[in-house]
Protein backbone atom coordinates (compact mmCIF):
# COMPACT_ATOMS: atom_id res chain seq x y z
CA ILE A 1 -17.50 -16.10 1.13
CA GLY A 2 -17.07 -15.06 -3.00
CA LEU A 3 -14.16 -15.32 -3.94
CA GLU A 4 -13.57 -19.28 -1.50
CA LEU A 5 -16.54 -20.84 -3.72
CA ALA A 6 -15.33 -19.28 -7.37
CA ALA A 7 -12.29 -21.14 -6.69
CA LYS A 8 -13.93 -24.56 -4.78
CA MET A 9 -15.98 -24.43 -7.66
CA GLY A 10 -13.53 -23.23 -10.99
CA GLY A 11 -14.94 -19.76 -11.90
CA GLN A 12 -14.49 -16.38 -11.11
CA ALA A 13 -15.82 -14.32 -8.87
CA GLU A 14 -17.64 -10.46 -10.08
CA PHE A 15 -18.42 -8.11 -7.67
CA PRO A 16 -20.98 -5.86 -8.68
CA PHE A 17 -18.23 -3.12 -7.62
CA ASP A 18 -15.19 -3.94 -9.56
CA GLY A 19 -14.88 -1.17 -11.67
CA PRO A 20 -15.15 0.63 -13.33
CA PRO A 21 -16.18 -0.60 -15.82
CA TYR A 22 -18.71 -2.49 -13.82
CA PRO A 23 -20.15 -5.81 -14.41
CA PRO A 24 -23.83 -5.36 -15.88
CA PHE A 25 -25.94 -7.35 -12.97
CA LEU A 26 -29.12 -6.01 -13.68
CA GLN A 27 -28.49 -6.89 -17.55
CA TRP A 28 -27.01 -10.61 -16.35
CA ALA A 29 -30.25 -10.78 -13.36
CA SER A 30 -33.12 -9.26 -15.94
CA ARG A 31 -31.70 -12.40 -18.25
CA THR A 32 -32.94 -15.14 -15.84
CA GLY A 33 -36.15 -14.42 -16.57
CA GLN A 34 -36.63 -14.29 -13.22
CA VAL A 35 -36.23 -10.11 -12.61
CA PHE A 36 -37.90 -7.14 -13.65
CA THR A 37 -38.09 -3.23 -13.33
CA SER A 38 -40.57 -2.41 -11.17
CA PRO A 39 -42.87 0.76 -11.81
CA ILE A 40 -40.67 2.72 -9.05
CA SER A 41 -37.50 1.43 -11.14
CA LEU A 42 -36.38 -0.76 -8.51
CA SER A 43 -35.97 -4.37 -9.79
CA ILE A 44 -38.50 -6.93 -8.36
CA HIS A 45 -38.08 -10.41 -8.35
CA ARG A 46 -40.45 -13.33 -8.89
CA GLN A 47 -39.77 -14.76 -5.67
CA TYR A 48 -38.32 -12.42 -3.54
CA GLY A 49 -40.13 -8.64 -4.31
CA LEU A 50 -38.24 -5.90 -3.67
CA TRP A 51 -36.24 -7.78 -1.26
CA HIS A 52 -33.11 -9.29 -3.00
CA ALA A 53 -29.66 -7.73 -3.44
CA TYR A 54 -26.50 -8.55 -5.63
CA ARG A 55 -23.17 -9.44 -4.22
CA PHE A 56 -21.15 -11.17 -5.93
CA ALA A 57 -21.52 -13.46 -9.25
CA LEU A 58 -19.86 -16.54 -9.90
CA LEU A 59 -18.28 -17.06 -13.73
CA PHE A 60 -17.29 -19.57 -14.93
CA PRO A 61 -15.28 -20.47 -18.27
CA GLY A 62 -17.57 -21.27 -21.33
CA ARG A 63 -20.38 -20.62 -19.93
CA ALA A 64 -23.69 -18.02 -20.12
CA ILE A 65 -26.79 -16.95 -18.64
CA GLU A 66 -29.47 -18.42 -21.11
CA GLU A 67 -32.10 -15.73 -22.00
CA MET A 68 -35.54 -17.34 -20.76
CA ASP A 69 -38.62 -16.98 -23.17
CA ASP A 70 -40.21 -14.14 -22.19
CA ALA A 71 -43.84 -15.53 -23.10
CA GLU A 72 -42.92 -17.15 -19.87
CA THR A 73 -42.33 -15.13 -17.83
CA THR A 74 -43.75 -12.50 -16.30
CA SER A 75 -43.00 -9.57 -13.59
CA PRO A 76 -45.14 -9.47 -10.40
CA CYS A 77 -45.66 -6.42 -10.97
CA ASP A 78 -48.20 -6.54 -14.54
CA SER A 79 -50.86 -8.62 -12.12
CA CYS A 80 -51.02 -5.75 -9.28
CA LYS A 81 -53.76 -3.44 -10.14
CA LYS A 82 -53.50 -0.54 -7.38
CA GLN A 83 -49.82 -0.36 -7.42
CA PRO A 84 -49.65 1.26 -4.26
CA CYS A 85 -45.28 1.76 -4.73
CA LEU A 86 -46.14 4.32 -6.68
CA ARG A 87 -48.11 6.91 -4.22
CA SER A 88 -46.44 5.81 -0.51
CA CYS A 89 -43.74 7.68 -0.90
CA PRO A 90 -43.26 10.73 0.71
CA VAL A 91 -42.25 13.13 -1.32
CA ASN A 92 -43.03 11.58 -4.44
CA ALA A 93 -40.43 10.66 -5.38
CA PHE A 94 -41.75 8.05 -7.71
CA SER A 95 -44.15 7.86 -11.22
CA ALA A 96 -43.94 5.66 -13.12
CA GLY A 97 -40.25 4.35 -14.65
CA ILE A 98 -38.79 7.55 -12.59
CA TYR A 99 -37.30 7.53 -9.52
CA ARG A 100 -36.73 11.00 -8.55
CA VAL A 101 -33.33 10.45 -6.11
CA GLU A 102 -32.10 13.55 -5.40
CA GLU A 103 -35.55 14.10 -3.91
CA CYS A 104 -35.24 11.13 -1.64
CA VAL A 105 -32.10 11.72 -0.56
CA ASP A 106 -33.41 15.44 0.27
CA TYR A 107 -36.06 13.84 2.22
CA LEU A 108 -33.92 10.98 4.18
CA ARG A 109 -31.36 14.13 4.98
CA GLN A 110 -33.99 15.83 6.78
CA ASP A 111 -34.80 13.72 9.07
CA ALA A 112 -32.96 11.43 10.78
CA VAL A 113 -35.66 9.76 12.26
CA SER A 114 -38.50 9.56 9.42
CA PRO A 115 -39.87 6.36 8.78
CA CYS A 116 -37.98 5.72 5.54
CA ARG A 117 -34.70 6.37 7.46
CA SER A 118 -36.03 4.37 10.46
CA ASN A 119 -38.00 1.46 8.62
CA GLY A 120 -36.60 1.52 5.27
CA CYS A 121 -38.36 2.72 2.10
CA ALA A 122 -41.74 2.83 2.25
CA ALA A 123 -42.01 2.16 -1.58
CA ARG A 124 -40.62 -0.13 -1.37
CA HIS A 125 -42.67 -1.63 2.28
CA SER A 126 -45.83 -1.46 0.47
CA CYS A 127 -46.00 -3.74 -2.35
CA PRO A 128 -47.51 -7.03 -1.95
CA GLU A 129 -45.18 -8.91 -3.55
CA ALA A 130 -43.07 -10.99 -0.78
CA ARG A 131 -43.49 -9.25 2.33
CA GLU A 132 -41.76 -12.29 4.74
CA PHE A 133 -38.52 -10.71 3.27
CA HIS A 134 -38.72 -6.75 4.36
CA TYR A 135 -35.87 -6.45 6.19
CA ASP A 136 -35.94 -5.89 10.06
CA PRO A 137 -35.42 -2.00 11.09
CA GLU A 138 -31.79 -2.90 11.79
CA HIS A 139 -31.22 -3.97 8.42
CA ALA A 140 -33.14 -0.81 6.57
CA ARG A 141 -31.20 1.65 8.65
CA PHE A 142 -28.32 -0.02 7.70
CA HIS A 143 -28.73 0.25 3.69
CA MET A 144 -30.07 3.51 3.73
CA ASP A 145 -27.35 5.26 5.65
CA ALA A 146 -25.11 3.19 3.12
CA PHE A 147 -27.62 4.81 0.46
CA LEU A 148 -26.68 7.93 2.27
CA LYS A 149 -23.11 7.02 2.40
CA SER A 150 -22.79 6.88 -1.69
CA ARG A 151 -23.98 9.98 -2.24
CA PHE A 152 -22.35 11.85 0.20
CA SER A 153 -19.53 12.10 2.58
CA ASP A 154 -21.73 11.76 5.67
CA PRO A 155 -24.86 9.42 6.47
CA GLU A 156 -26.13 12.50 9.51
């Protein structure tokens, strides 16, 4: 769909996997004033919370993403006093600003039916923002398997 839309609109489609070098999707997103780094190092969107992904971007000649005035935008995490995301991981893979990926991966590989593996990341699910956009279990399992495949040759 990205290529079709780009052709229709006179732009160019960029995909997160185009590279190396890879397009700076997270930088582009943060420049909109709608996306921030959460305490668990995942990007959080003002409307969609931790439940968003970047599949492609449309680039247009001579146009750039305009940066928002920082005074106009605040992260949803700024008003979250309890920050349950930092305490809900069963293997404590997260602390403020740090994501210990290997602890997460080891846990997911050890138990193919763990709640995180079958329902999605417990830390992500504990976030009070945008609960209506949580992935259903099949979708969450698909993404967890893809995450493990990206780290290893097989998901089990």
